[in-house]
């Protein structure tokens, strides 16, 4: 593929006409089809390109991979955004300017980058990132780094020597923010050097074409602490978000397209409570987990339920996202 820098001209001439709103990443296929959203891009490539799948064949490993994709893509975003704006602010402004306005001088790129980045920085309270929660965010993130680093002492990736969809869910925040931003990268190298090395390896394209998942559908014990973090930190928010979605749909019976946020609620991170926007998008990703669970039967179903019990995620057993969600015309809508 050819990677194209998303500068102002690309947004104006390509992204906005195709997608309708300013967002990256965007994939344009050889057939001129537009695909937006990392998960949908991965699934498009899975369906149309040869090579090993990022989805394990084993039902238990696939369950773990889908949970970890959700946890990485949506929950680790909190730490990614906190560390970027708490420790890498000037670097981020310069990078926004370098990307959007490469033709300008360095000083002008910084100035323009700061203007463009302000909306991202101003979104922190909507993610529940405040002075009150910052110490808890750092404590939980460092605990995640240590748990992942310990896992990587015996495994190349989350589920073996081949990266899974879970690895790529982790890679978005951990590489693009927490590894690549210099101050955050130094923290990662110091606390979890194996995670920093994983970032480099998982980001290298050739590794997607090699390796194997662990034999016998094994979910290693070293992953359980991370899966328990999902159950204790993110799952309660998902349950509350589903309740809020159901309330919102009753209050908006004619609506089909969902807003980015449907309201505000209380959330906890590291035992600290704060206000946070309610985002329906993670429920679409949760729906992928639940659809896989619902497809299982017999011994596979029993093994999945045991794993969920072991990590404290029994609430997922028999759960459904109702109303169902889907992505249509690059937006989240009611199915």
C-alpha atoms as a PDB file:
ATOM      1  CA  UNK A   1       0.000   0.000   0.000  1.00  0.00           C
ATOM      2  CA  UNK A   2       0.983   3.634  -0.313  1.00  0.00           C
ATOM      3  CA  UNK A   3       0.844   5.775   2.814  1.00  0.00           C
ATOM      4  CA  UNK A   4      -0.256   9.363   2.179  1.00  0.00           C
ATOM      5  CA  UNK A   5       0.250  12.139   4.718  1.00  0.00           C
ATOM      6  CA  UNK A   6      -3.083  13.596   5.852  1.00  0.00           C
ATOM      7  CA  UNK A   7      -2.236  17.242   5.242  1.00  0.00           C
ATOM      8  CA  UNK A   8      -4.776  20.031   4.794  1.00  0.00           C
ATOM      9  CA  UNK A   9      -4.994  19.439   1.045  1.00  0.00           C
ATOM     10  CA  UNK A  10      -5.674  15.713   1.485  1.00  0.00           C
ATOM     11  CA  UNK A  11      -8.436  16.466   3.980  1.00  0.00           C
ATOM     12  CA  UNK A  12     -10.010  19.009   1.612  1.00  0.00           C
ATOM     13  CA  UNK A  13      -9.678  17.071  -1.644  1.00  0.00           C
ATOM     14  CA  UNK A  14      -9.934  13.441  -0.533  1.00  0.00           C
ATOM     15  CA  UNK A  15     -11.116  12.727   3.006  1.00  0.00           C
ATOM     16  CA  UNK A  16     -13.972  15.218   3.320  1.00  0.00           C
ATOM     17  CA  UNK A  17     -15.513  14.459  -0.112  1.00  0.00           C
ATOM     18  CA  UNK A  18     -15.324  10.709   0.505  1.00  0.00           C
ATOM     19  CA  UNK A  19     -16.107  10.414   4.217  1.00  0.00           C
ATOM     20  CA  UNK A  20     -17.986  13.628   4.973  1.00  0.00           C
ATOM     21  CA  UNK A  21     -16.090  14.550   8.114  1.00  0.00           C
ATOM     22  CA  UNK A  22     -12.410  15.012   9.045  1.00  0.00           C
ATOM     23  CA  UNK A  23     -11.052  11.686  10.271  1.00  0.00           C
ATOM     24  CA  UNK A  24      -8.124   9.332   9.832  1.00  0.00           C
ATOM     25  CA  UNK A  25      -7.248   6.621   9.019  1.00  0.00           C
ATOM     26  CA  UNK A  26      -8.949   6.224   5.653  1.00  0.00           C
ATOM     27  CA  UNK A  27      -8.249   3.411   3.188  1.00  0.00           C
ATOM     28  CA  UNK A  28      -8.875   3.819  -0.548  1.00  0.00           C
ATOM     29  CA  UNK A  29      -8.851   0.462  -2.302  1.00  0.00           C
ATOM     30  CA  UNK A  30      -7.639  -0.275  -5.859  1.00  0.00           C
ATOM     31  CA  UNK A  31     -11.337  -0.394  -6.811  1.00  0.00           C
ATOM     32  CA  UNK A  32     -11.752   3.156  -5.437  1.00  0.00           C
ATOM     33  CA  UNK A  33     -13.778   1.958  -2.456  1.00  0.00           C
ATOM     34  CA  UNK A  34     -13.411   4.040   0.710  1.00  0.00           C
ATOM     35  CA  UNK A  35     -13.019   2.262   4.052  1.00  0.00           C
ATOM     36  CA  UNK A  36     -12.814   4.181   7.325  1.00  0.00           C
ATOM     37  CA  UNK A  37     -12.260   2.936  10.886  1.00  0.00           C
ATOM     38  CA  UNK A  38      -9.324   0.735  11.798  1.00  0.00           C
ATOM     39  CA  UNK A  39     -11.438  -2.321  12.597  1.00  0.00           C
ATOM     40  CA  UNK A  40     -13.318  -2.101   9.304  1.00  0.00           C
ATOM     41  CA  UNK A  41     -10.058  -1.590   7.417  1.00  0.00           C
ATOM     42  CA  UNK A  42      -8.583  -4.714   9.002  1.00  0.00           C
ATOM     43  CA  UNK A  43     -11.715  -6.707   8.215  1.00  0.00           C
ATOM     44  CA  UNK A  44     -11.684  -5.466   4.607  1.00  0.00           C
ATOM     45  CA  UNK A  45      -8.081  -6.617   4.186  1.00  0.00           C
ATOM     46  CA  UNK A  46      -8.901  -9.929   5.880  1.00  0.00           C
ATOM     47  CA  UNK A  47     -11.672 -10.522   3.344  1.00  0.00           C
ATOM     48  CA  UNK A  48      -9.789  -9.402   0.246  1.00  0.00           C
ATOM     49  CA  UNK A  49      -6.097 -10.184   0.715  1.00  0.00           C
ATOM     50  CA  UNK A  50      -4.267 -13.511   1.143  1.00  0.00           C
ATOM     51  CA  UNK A  51      -2.118 -14.368   4.129  1.00  0.00           C
ATOM     52  CA  UNK A  52      -2.498 -15.410   7.772  1.00  0.00           C
ATOM     53  CA  UNK A  53      -5.476 -14.012   9.658  1.00  0.00           C
ATOM     54  CA  UNK A  54      -5.192 -11.738  12.679  1.00  0.00           C
ATOM     55  CA  UNK A  55      -8.237 -13.563  14.077  1.00  0.00           C
ATOM     56  CA  UNK A  56      -7.369 -16.838  15.836  1.00  0.00           C
ATOM     57  CA  UNK A  57      -9.288 -19.928  14.746  1.00  0.00           C
ATOM     58  CA  UNK A  58      -9.563 -21.108  18.345  1.00  0.00           C
ATOM     59  CA  UNK A  59     -12.806 -19.873  19.939  1.00  0.00           C
ATOM     60  CA  UNK A  60     -11.190 -19.060  23.297  1.00  0.00           C
ATOM     61  CA  UNK A  61      -8.273 -17.199  21.755  1.00  0.00           C
ATOM     62  CA  UNK A  62     -10.648 -15.307  19.480  1.00  0.00           C
ATOM     63  CA  UNK A  63     -12.708 -14.279  22.500  1.00  0.00           C
ATOM     64  CA  UNK A  64      -9.611 -13.015  24.302  1.00  0.00           C
ATOM     65  CA  UNK A  65      -8.381 -11.232  21.174  1.00  0.00           C
ATOM     66  CA  UNK A  66     -11.694  -9.427  20.636  1.00  0.00           C
ATOM     67  CA  UNK A  67     -11.862  -8.369  24.289  1.00  0.00           C
ATOM     68  CA  UNK A  68      -8.296  -7.079  24.142  1.00  0.00           C
ATOM     69  CA  UNK A  69      -8.999  -5.210  20.900  1.00  0.00           C
ATOM     70  CA  UNK A  70     -11.877  -3.433  22.643  1.00  0.00           C
ATOM     71  CA  UNK A  71      -9.806  -2.767  25.764  1.00  0.00           C
ATOM     72  CA  UNK A  72      -6.828  -1.442  23.839  1.00  0.00           C
ATOM     73  CA  UNK A  73      -8.629   0.576  21.208  1.00  0.00           C
ATOM     74  CA  UNK A  74     -11.108   2.274  23.521  1.00  0.00           C
ATOM     75  CA  UNK A  75      -9.861   2.144  27.127  1.00  0.00           C
ATOM     76  CA  UNK A  76      -6.120   2.668  26.662  1.00  0.00           C
ATOM     77  CA  UNK A  77      -7.070   5.813  24.746  1.00  0.00           C
ATOM     78  CA  UNK A  78      -7.554   7.492  28.140  1.00  0.00           C
ATOM     79  CA  UNK A  79      -3.910   7.037  29.120  1.00  0.00           C
ATOM     80  CA  UNK A  80      -2.756   7.848  25.590  1.00  0.00           C
ATOM     81  CA  UNK A  81      -4.521  11.206  25.615  1.00  0.00           C
ATOM     82  CA  UNK A  82      -3.503  12.034  29.178  1.00  0.00           C
ATOM     83  CA  UNK A  83       0.194  11.395  28.626  1.00  0.00           C
ATOM     84  CA  UNK A  84       0.226  13.225  25.286  1.00  0.00           C
ATOM     85  CA  UNK A  85      -1.130  16.465  26.704  1.00  0.00           C
ATOM     86  CA  UNK A  86       0.428  16.251  30.164  1.00  0.00           C
ATOM     87  CA  UNK A  87       3.968  15.404  29.038  1.00  0.00           C
ATOM     88  CA  UNK A  88       4.283  15.987  25.266  1.00  0.00           C
ATOM     89  CA  UNK A  89       2.259  19.114  24.523  1.00  0.00           C
ATOM     90  CA  UNK A  90       4.805  21.043  22.444  1.00  0.00           C
ATOM     91  CA  UNK A  91       5.838  17.897  20.563  1.00  0.00           C
ATOM     92  CA  UNK A  92       2.189  17.223  19.723  1.00  0.00           C
ATOM     93  CA  UNK A  93       1.639  20.763  18.459  1.00  0.00           C
ATOM     94  CA  UNK A  94       4.689  20.478  16.221  1.00  0.00           C
ATOM     95  CA  UNK A  95       3.605  17.078  14.897  1.00  0.00           C
ATOM     96  CA  UNK A  96       0.110  18.329  14.100  1.00  0.00           C
ATOM     97  CA  UNK A  97       1.690  21.201  12.200  1.00  0.00           C
ATOM     98  CA  UNK A  98       4.242  18.998  10.434  1.00  0.00           C
ATOM     99  CA  UNK A  99       1.456  16.714   9.243  1.00  0.00           C
ATOM    100  CA  UNK A 100      -1.109  19.293   8.256  1.00  0.00           C
ATOM    101  CA  UNK A 101       1.087  22.069   6.900  1.00  0.00           C
ATOM    102  CA  UNK A 102       4.414  20.614   5.695  1.00  0.00           C
ATOM    103  CA  UNK A 103       5.016  23.539   3.319  1.00  0.00           C
ATOM    104  CA  UNK A 104       5.268  26.116   6.143  1.00  0.00           C
ATOM    105  CA  UNK A 105       8.289  27.075   8.250  1.00  0.00           C
ATOM    106  CA  UNK A 106       8.873  25.210  11.514  1.00  0.00           C
ATOM    107  CA  UNK A 107       7.539  28.121  13.563  1.00  0.00           C
ATOM    108  CA  UNK A 108       4.457  28.450  11.375  1.00  0.00           C
ATOM    109  CA  UNK A 109       3.870  24.693  11.531  1.00  0.00           C
ATOM    110  CA  UNK A 110       3.946  24.881  15.327  1.00  0.00           C
ATOM    111  CA  UNK A 111       1.465  27.766  15.374  1.00  0.00           C
ATOM    112  CA  UNK A 112      -0.930  26.098  12.939  1.00  0.00           C
ATOM    113  CA  UNK A 113      -0.510  22.748  14.680  1.00  0.00           C
ATOM    114  CA  UNK A 114      -1.459  24.316  17.997  1.00  0.00           C
ATOM    115  CA  UNK A 115      -4.663  25.701  16.484  1.00  0.00           C
ATOM    116  CA  UNK A 116      -5.549  22.331  14.963  1.00  0.00           C
ATOM    117  CA  UNK A 117      -4.722  20.381  18.125  1.00  0.00           C
ATOM    118  CA  UNK A 118      -6.686  22.523  20.572  1.00  0.00           C
ATOM    119  CA  UNK A 119      -9.896  20.586  19.940  1.00  0.00           C
ATOM    120  CA  UNK A 120      -8.141  17.343  20.860  1.00  0.00           C
ATOM    121  CA  UNK A 121      -6.694  18.815  24.036  1.00  0.00           C
ATOM    122  CA  UNK A 122     -10.047  20.341  24.963  1.00  0.00           C
ATOM    123  CA  UNK A 123     -11.677  16.890  24.747  1.00  0.00           C
ATOM    124  CA  UNK A 124      -9.825  15.571  27.814  1.00  0.00           C
ATOM    125  CA  UNK A 125     -12.654  16.229  30.323  1.00  0.00           C
ATOM    126  CA  UNK A 126     -15.072  14.383  28.023  1.00  0.00           C
ATOM    127  CA  UNK A 127     -12.805  11.340  28.386  1.00  0.00           C
ATOM    128  CA  UNK A 128     -12.806  11.715  32.164  1.00  0.00           C
ATOM    129  CA  UNK A 129      -9.273  13.118  32.251  1.00  0.00           C
ATOM    130  CA  UNK A 130      -9.094  15.766  34.971  1.00  0.00           C
ATOM    131  CA  UNK A 131      -6.689  16.783  37.726  1.00  0.00           C
ATOM    132  CA  UNK A 132      -8.674  14.455  39.995  1.00  0.00           C
ATOM    133  CA  UNK A 133      -8.219  11.363  37.831  1.00  0.00           C
ATOM    134  CA  UNK A 134      -4.709  11.943  36.469  1.00  0.00           C
ATOM    135  CA  UNK A 135      -2.869  10.097  39.299  1.00  0.00           C
ATOM    136  CA  UNK A 136      -5.241   7.125  38.954  1.00  0.00           C
ATOM    137  CA  UNK A 137      -4.839   7.100  35.165  1.00  0.00           C
ATOM    138  CA  UNK A 138      -1.065   6.971  35.555  1.00  0.00           C
ATOM    139  CA  UNK A 139      -1.225   4.258  38.218  1.00  0.00           C
ATOM    140  CA  UNK A 140      -3.504   2.011  36.148  1.00  0.00           C
ATOM    141  CA  UNK A 141      -1.484   2.607  32.985  1.00  0.00           C
ATOM    142  CA  UNK A 142       1.773   1.737  34.724  1.00  0.00           C
ATOM    143  CA  UNK A 143       0.144  -1.411  36.123  1.00  0.00           C
ATOM    144  CA  UNK A 144      -0.899  -2.330  32.584  1.00  0.00           C
ATOM    145  CA  UNK A 145       2.625  -1.739  31.312  1.00  0.00           C
ATOM    146  CA  UNK A 146       4.095  -3.998  33.993  1.00  0.00           C
ATOM    147  CA  UNK A 147       1.550  -6.755  33.360  1.00  0.00           C
ATOM    148  CA  UNK A 148       2.101  -6.611  29.602  1.00  0.00           C
ATOM    149  CA  UNK A 149       5.878  -6.492  30.046  1.00  0.00           C
ATOM    150  CA  UNK A 150       5.709  -9.609  32.223  1.00  0.00           C
ATOM    151  CA  UNK A 151       3.611 -11.395  29.586  1.00  0.00           C
ATOM    152  CA  UNK A 152       6.104 -10.472  26.866  1.00  0.00           C
ATOM    153  CA  UNK A 153       8.902 -12.166  28.800  1.00  0.00           C
ATOM    154  CA  UNK A 154       7.568 -15.468  27.466  1.00  0.00           C
ATOM    155  CA  UNK A 155       5.485 -14.514  24.402  1.00  0.00           C
ATOM    156  CA  UNK A 156       6.217 -12.407  21.323  1.00  0.00           C
ATOM    157  CA  UNK A 157       2.678 -11.055  21.086  1.00  0.00           C
ATOM    158  CA  UNK A 158      -0.562 -11.373  23.038  1.00  0.00           C
ATOM    159  CA  UNK A 159      -1.402 -14.884  21.850  1.00  0.00           C
ATOM    160  CA  UNK A 160       1.809 -16.326  20.466  1.00  0.00           C
ATOM    161  CA  UNK A 161       4.340 -15.483  17.773  1.00  0.00           C
ATOM    162  CA  UNK A 162       1.713 -13.973  15.448  1.00  0.00           C
ATOM    163  CA  UNK A 163       0.048 -10.617  16.182  1.00  0.00           C
ATOM    164  CA  UNK A 164      -3.720 -10.834  16.638  1.00  0.00           C
ATOM    165  CA  UNK A 165      -6.534  -8.323  16.353  1.00  0.00           C
ATOM    166  CA  UNK A 166      -5.929  -7.721  20.056  1.00  0.00           C
ATOM    167  CA  UNK A 167      -2.347  -6.637  19.382  1.00  0.00           C
ATOM    168  CA  UNK A 168      -3.560  -4.123  16.830  1.00  0.00           C
ATOM    169  CA  UNK A 169      -6.138  -2.789  19.275  1.00  0.00           C
ATOM    170  CA  UNK A 170      -3.290  -2.188  21.717  1.00  0.00           C
ATOM    171  CA  UNK A 171      -0.984  -0.812  19.041  1.00  0.00           C
ATOM    172  CA  UNK A 172      -3.069   2.269  18.239  1.00  0.00           C
ATOM    173  CA  UNK A 173      -2.687   3.998  21.617  1.00  0.00           C
ATOM    174  CA  UNK A 174       0.522   2.324  22.768  1.00  0.00           C
ATOM    175  CA  UNK A 175       2.551   2.996  19.616  1.00  0.00           C
ATOM    176  CA  UNK A 176       1.070   6.173  18.167  1.00  0.00           C
ATOM    177  CA  UNK A 177       0.880   7.988  21.496  1.00  0.00           C
ATOM    178  CA  UNK A 178       2.688   6.324  24.378  1.00  0.00           C
ATOM    179  CA  UNK A 179       5.701   5.021  22.469  1.00  0.00           C
ATOM    180  CA  UNK A 180       6.145   7.624  19.764  1.00  0.00           C
ATOM    181  CA  UNK A 181       5.611  10.735  21.918  1.00  0.00           C
ATOM    182  CA  UNK A 182       9.105  11.288  23.369  1.00  0.00           C
ATOM    183  CA  UNK A 183       8.380  11.815  27.072  1.00  0.00           C
ATOM    184  CA  UNK A 184       5.829   8.990  27.103  1.00  0.00           C
ATOM    185  CA  UNK A 185       8.219   6.770  25.165  1.00  0.00           C
ATOM    186  CA  UNK A 186      10.918   7.327  27.776  1.00  0.00           C
ATOM    187  CA  UNK A 187       8.452   6.314  30.499  1.00  0.00           C
ATOM    188  CA  UNK A 188       7.579   3.149  28.585  1.00  0.00           C
ATOM    189  CA  UNK A 189      11.225   2.260  27.949  1.00  0.00           C
ATOM    190  CA  UNK A 190      11.962   2.693  31.658  1.00  0.00           C
ATOM    191  CA  UNK A 191       8.972   0.807  33.093  1.00  0.00           C
ATOM    192  CA  UNK A 192       8.359  -1.773  30.366  1.00  0.00           C
ATOM    193  CA  UNK A 193      11.192  -2.132  27.832  1.00  0.00           C
ATOM    194  CA  UNK A 194       9.621  -5.294  26.407  1.00  0.00           C
ATOM    195  CA  UNK A 195       6.460  -3.328  25.626  1.00  0.00           C
ATOM    196  CA  UNK A 196       8.538  -0.714  23.811  1.00  0.00           C
ATOM    197  CA  UNK A 197      10.162  -3.518  21.824  1.00  0.00           C
ATOM    198  CA  UNK A 198       6.724  -5.006  21.119  1.00  0.00           C
ATOM    199  CA  UNK A 199       5.640  -1.602  19.747  1.00  0.00           C
ATOM    200  CA  UNK A 200       8.525  -1.676  17.292  1.00  0.00           C
ATOM    201  CA  UNK A 201       7.868  -5.274  16.260  1.00  0.00           C
ATOM    202  CA  UNK A 202       4.078  -5.010  16.024  1.00  0.00           C
ATOM    203  CA  UNK A 203       4.438  -1.911  13.877  1.00  0.00           C
ATOM    204  CA  UNK A 204       6.760  -3.708  11.427  1.00  0.00           C
ATOM    205  CA  UNK A 205       4.674  -4.974   8.468  1.00  0.00           C
ATOM    206  CA  UNK A 206       6.663  -8.165   7.904  1.00  0.00           C
ATOM    207  CA  UNK A 207       5.621  -9.584  11.277  1.00  0.00           C
ATOM    208  CA  UNK A 208       1.995  -9.776  10.168  1.00  0.00           C
ATOM    209  CA  UNK A 209       2.973 -12.448   7.654  1.00  0.00           C
ATOM    210  CA  UNK A 210       4.683 -14.859  10.019  1.00  0.00           C
ATOM    211  CA  UNK A 211       4.296 -16.669  13.315  1.00  0.00           C
ATOM    212  CA  UNK A 212       1.587 -18.779  14.896  1.00  0.00           C
ATOM    213  CA  UNK A 213      -0.971 -18.515  17.632  1.00  0.00           C
ATOM    214  CA  UNK A 214      -0.396 -20.695  20.676  1.00  0.00           C
ATOM    215  CA  UNK A 215      -1.318 -24.349  20.265  1.00  0.00           C
ATOM    216  CA  UNK A 216      -4.512 -25.908  21.604  1.00  0.00           C
ATOM    217  CA  UNK A 217      -6.431 -22.609  21.789  1.00  0.00           C
ATOM    218  CA  UNK A 218      -4.391 -21.613  24.839  1.00  0.00           C
ATOM    219  CA  UNK A 219      -4.978 -18.273  26.530  1.00  0.00           C
ATOM    220  CA  UNK A 220      -1.836 -17.936  28.663  1.00  0.00           C
ATOM    221  CA  UNK A 221      -2.107 -17.208  32.374  1.00  0.00           C
ATOM    222  CA  UNK A 222       0.113 -14.167  31.830  1.00  0.00           C
ATOM    223  CA  UNK A 223      -2.795 -12.495  29.997  1.00  0.00           C
ATOM    224  CA  UNK A 224      -5.240 -12.927  32.868  1.00  0.00           C
ATOM    225  CA  UNK A 225      -4.108  -9.810  34.790  1.00  0.00           C
ATOM    226  CA  UNK A 226      -4.729  -7.697  31.679  1.00  0.00           C
ATOM    227  CA  UNK A 227      -8.105  -9.311  31.021  1.00  0.00           C
ATOM    228  CA  UNK A 228      -9.031  -8.674  34.662  1.00  0.00           C
ATOM    229  CA  UNK A 229      -8.197  -4.994  34.132  1.00  0.00           C
ATOM    230  CA  UNK A 230     -10.741  -4.970  31.320  1.00  0.00           C
ATOM    231  CA  UNK A 231     -13.352  -6.538  33.602  1.00  0.00           C
ATOM    232  CA  UNK A 232     -12.726  -4.222  36.546  1.00  0.00           C
ATOM    233  CA  UNK A 233     -12.084  -0.936  34.716  1.00  0.00           C
ATOM    234  CA  UNK A 234     -13.859  -0.917  31.347  1.00  0.00           C
ATOM    235  CA  UNK A 235     -16.701  -3.409  31.649  1.00  0.00           C
ATOM    236  CA  UNK A 236     -18.690  -1.378  34.228  1.00  0.00           C
ATOM    237  CA  UNK A 237     -18.539   1.604  31.864  1.00  0.00           C
ATOM    238  CA  UNK A 238     -19.771  -0.531  28.970  1.00  0.00           C
ATOM    239  CA  UNK A 239     -22.712  -1.778  31.029  1.00  0.00           C
ATOM    240  CA  UNK A 240     -23.607   1.773  32.021  1.00  0.00           C
ATOM    241  CA  UNK A 241     -23.190   2.940  28.422  1.00  0.00           C
ATOM    242  CA  UNK A 242     -25.645   0.294  27.238  1.00  0.00           C
ATOM    243  CA  UNK A 243     -28.221   1.485  29.770  1.00  0.00           C
ATOM    244  CA  UNK A 244     -27.681   5.048  28.563  1.00  0.00           C
ATOM    245  CA  UNK A 245     -28.032   3.989  24.914  1.00  0.00           C
ATOM    246  CA  UNK A 246     -31.364   2.352  25.649  1.00  0.00           C
ATOM    247  CA  UNK A 247     -32.543   5.475  27.453  1.00  0.00           C
ATOM    248  CA  UNK A 248     -31.353   7.698  24.582  1.00  0.00           C
ATOM    249  CA  UNK A 249     -33.167   5.650  21.942  1.00  0.00           C
ATOM    250  CA  UNK A 250     -36.419   5.879  23.908  1.00  0.00           C
ATOM    251  CA  UNK A 251     -36.009   9.643  24.152  1.00  0.00           C
ATOM    252  CA  UNK A 252     -35.146   9.909  20.440  1.00  0.00           C
ATOM    253  CA  UNK A 253     -37.498   7.407  18.769  1.00  0.00           C
ATOM    254  CA  UNK A 254     -37.074   8.887  15.280  1.00  0.00           C
ATOM    255  CA  UNK A 255     -33.280   8.955  15.361  1.00  0.00           C
ATOM    256  CA  UNK A 256     -31.139   6.477  13.476  1.00  0.00           C
ATOM    257  CA  UNK A 257     -27.701   8.089  13.503  1.00  0.00           C
ATOM    258  CA  UNK A 258     -26.020   8.171  16.901  1.00  0.00           C
ATOM    259  CA  UNK A 259     -24.117  11.183  18.206  1.00  0.00           C
ATOM    260  CA  UNK A 260     -20.526  10.736  19.296  1.00  0.00           C
ATOM    261  CA  UNK A 261     -21.727  11.003  22.902  1.00  0.00           C
ATOM    262  CA  UNK A 262     -25.214  10.370  24.248  1.00  0.00           C
ATOM    263  CA  UNK A 263     -24.748  12.094  27.603  1.00  0.00           C
ATOM    264  CA  UNK A 264     -22.586  12.082  30.720  1.00  0.00           C
ATOM    265  CA  UNK A 265     -22.195   9.641  33.564  1.00  0.00           C
ATOM    266  CA  UNK A 266     -19.955   8.819  36.505  1.00  0.00           C
ATOM    267  CA  UNK A 267     -17.052   6.485  35.877  1.00  0.00           C
ATOM    268  CA  UNK A 268     -14.256   5.078  37.981  1.00  0.00           C
ATOM    269  CA  UNK A 269     -10.630   4.568  37.107  1.00  0.00           C
ATOM    270  CA  UNK A 270      -8.221   3.281  39.708  1.00  0.00           C
ATOM    271  CA  UNK A 271     -10.981   3.713  42.281  1.00  0.00           C
ATOM    272  CA  UNK A 272     -11.364   7.445  41.554  1.00  0.00           C
ATOM    273  CA  UNK A 273     -14.776   8.664  40.399  1.00  0.00           C
ATOM    274  CA  UNK A 274     -15.294  11.430  37.853  1.00  0.00           C
ATOM    275  CA  UNK A 275     -17.738  12.603  35.195  1.00  0.00           C
ATOM    276  CA  UNK A 276     -17.249  11.352  31.659  1.00  0.00           C
ATOM    277  CA  UNK A 277     -19.121  11.437  28.369  1.00  0.00           C
ATOM    278  CA  UNK A 278     -21.021   8.296  27.371  1.00  0.00           C
ATOM    279  CA  UNK A 279     -19.691   7.037  24.036  1.00  0.00           C
ATOM    280  CA  UNK A 280     -21.776   4.499  22.080  1.00  0.00           C
ATOM    281  CA  UNK A 281     -18.962   3.475  19.702  1.00  0.00           C
ATOM    282  CA  UNK A 282     -17.354   1.033  22.204  1.00  0.00           C
ATOM    283  CA  UNK A 283     -20.692  -0.774  22.310  1.00  0.00           C
ATOM    284  CA  UNK A 284     -20.321  -1.527  18.602  1.00  0.00           C
ATOM    285  CA  UNK A 285     -16.973  -3.123  19.386  1.00  0.00           C
ATOM    286  CA  UNK A 286     -18.473  -4.928  22.387  1.00  0.00           C
ATOM    287  CA  UNK A 287     -21.132  -6.268  20.024  1.00  0.00           C
ATOM    288  CA  UNK A 288     -18.357  -8.079  18.139  1.00  0.00           C
ATOM    289  CA  UNK A 289     -17.325  -9.810  21.372  1.00  0.00           C
ATOM    290  CA  UNK A 290     -20.906 -10.747  22.212  1.00  0.00           C
ATOM    291  CA  UNK A 291     -21.667 -12.022  18.706  1.00  0.00           C
ATOM    292  CA  UNK A 292     -18.685 -14.346  18.951  1.00  0.00           C
ATOM    293  CA  UNK A 293     -19.811 -15.542  22.381  1.00  0.00           C
ATOM    294  CA  UNK A 294     -23.327 -16.197  21.092  1.00  0.00           C
ATOM    295  CA  UNK A 295     -21.942 -18.344  18.273  1.00  0.00           C
ATOM    296  CA  UNK A 296     -20.351 -20.831  20.686  1.00  0.00           C
ATOM    297  CA  UNK A 297     -21.875 -24.063  21.917  1.00  0.00           C
ATOM    298  CA  UNK A 298     -20.945 -27.172  23.860  1.00  0.00           C
ATOM    299  CA  UNK A 299     -17.402 -27.367  25.210  1.00  0.00           C
ATOM    300  CA  UNK A 300     -16.398 -24.130  23.490  1.00  0.00           C
ATOM    301  CA  UNK A 301     -19.188 -22.245  25.228  1.00  0.00           C
ATOM    302  CA  UNK A 302     -18.301 -23.805  28.586  1.00  0.00           C
ATOM    303  CA  UNK A 303     -14.623 -22.881  28.175  1.00  0.00           C
ATOM    304  CA  UNK A 304     -15.532 -19.309  27.251  1.00  0.00           C
ATOM    305  CA  UNK A 305     -17.804 -18.956  30.260  1.00  0.00           C
ATOM    306  CA  UNK A 306     -15.061 -20.321  32.520  1.00  0.00           C
ATOM    307  CA  UNK A 307     -12.597 -17.761  31.161  1.00  0.00           C
ATOM    308  CA  UNK A 308     -15.086 -14.954  31.710  1.00  0.00           C
ATOM    309  CA  UNK A 309     -15.626 -16.171  35.256  1.00  0.00           C
ATOM    310  CA  UNK A 310     -11.891 -16.335  35.892  1.00  0.00           C
ATOM    311  CA  UNK A 311     -11.431 -12.689  34.877  1.00  0.00           C
ATOM    312  CA  UNK A 312     -14.567 -11.324  36.554  1.00  0.00           C
ATOM    313  CA  UNK A 313     -16.487 -10.681  33.329  1.00  0.00           C
ATOM    314  CA  UNK A 314     -19.487 -12.963  33.935  1.00  0.00           C
ATOM    315  CA  UNK A 315     -21.741 -10.048  32.987  1.00  0.00           C
ATOM    316  CA  UNK A 316     -20.910 -10.745  29.335  1.00  0.00           C
ATOM    317  CA  UNK A 317     -22.554 -14.186  29.487  1.00  0.00           C
ATOM    318  CA  UNK A 318     -25.874 -13.942  27.680  1.00  0.00           C
ATOM    319  CA  UNK A 319     -25.531 -10.174  27.262  1.00  0.00           C
ATOM    320  CA  UNK A 320     -26.733  -8.441  24.095  1.00  0.00           C
ATOM    321  CA  UNK A 321     -26.323  -4.926  22.746  1.00  0.00           C
ATOM    322  CA  UNK A 322     -29.958  -3.932  22.299  1.00  0.00           C
ATOM    323  CA  UNK A 323     -30.698  -2.063  20.120  1.00  0.00           C
ATOM    324  CA  UNK A 324     -28.046  -3.416  17.774  1.00  0.00           C
ATOM    325  CA  UNK A 325     -25.574  -1.018  16.210  1.00  0.00           C
ATOM    326  CA  UNK A 326     -23.877  -0.892  12.836  1.00  0.00           C
ATOM    327  CA  UNK A 327     -21.591   1.415  10.892  1.00  0.00           C
ATOM    328  CA  UNK A 328     -23.155   2.904   7.777  1.00  0.00           C
ATOM    329  CA  UNK A 329     -21.744   5.645   5.561  1.00  0.00           C
ATOM    330  CA  UNK A 330     -18.843   6.060   7.993  1.00  0.00           C
ATOM    331  CA  UNK A 331     -21.140   6.737  10.947  1.00  0.00           C
ATOM    332  CA  UNK A 332     -22.569   4.737  13.834  1.00  0.00           C
ATOM    333  CA  UNK A 333     -26.285   4.061  13.441  1.00  0.00           C
ATOM    334  CA  UNK A 334     -29.002   1.885  14.894  1.00  0.00           C
ATOM    335  CA  UNK A 335     -29.216  -1.381  12.984  1.00  0.00           C
END
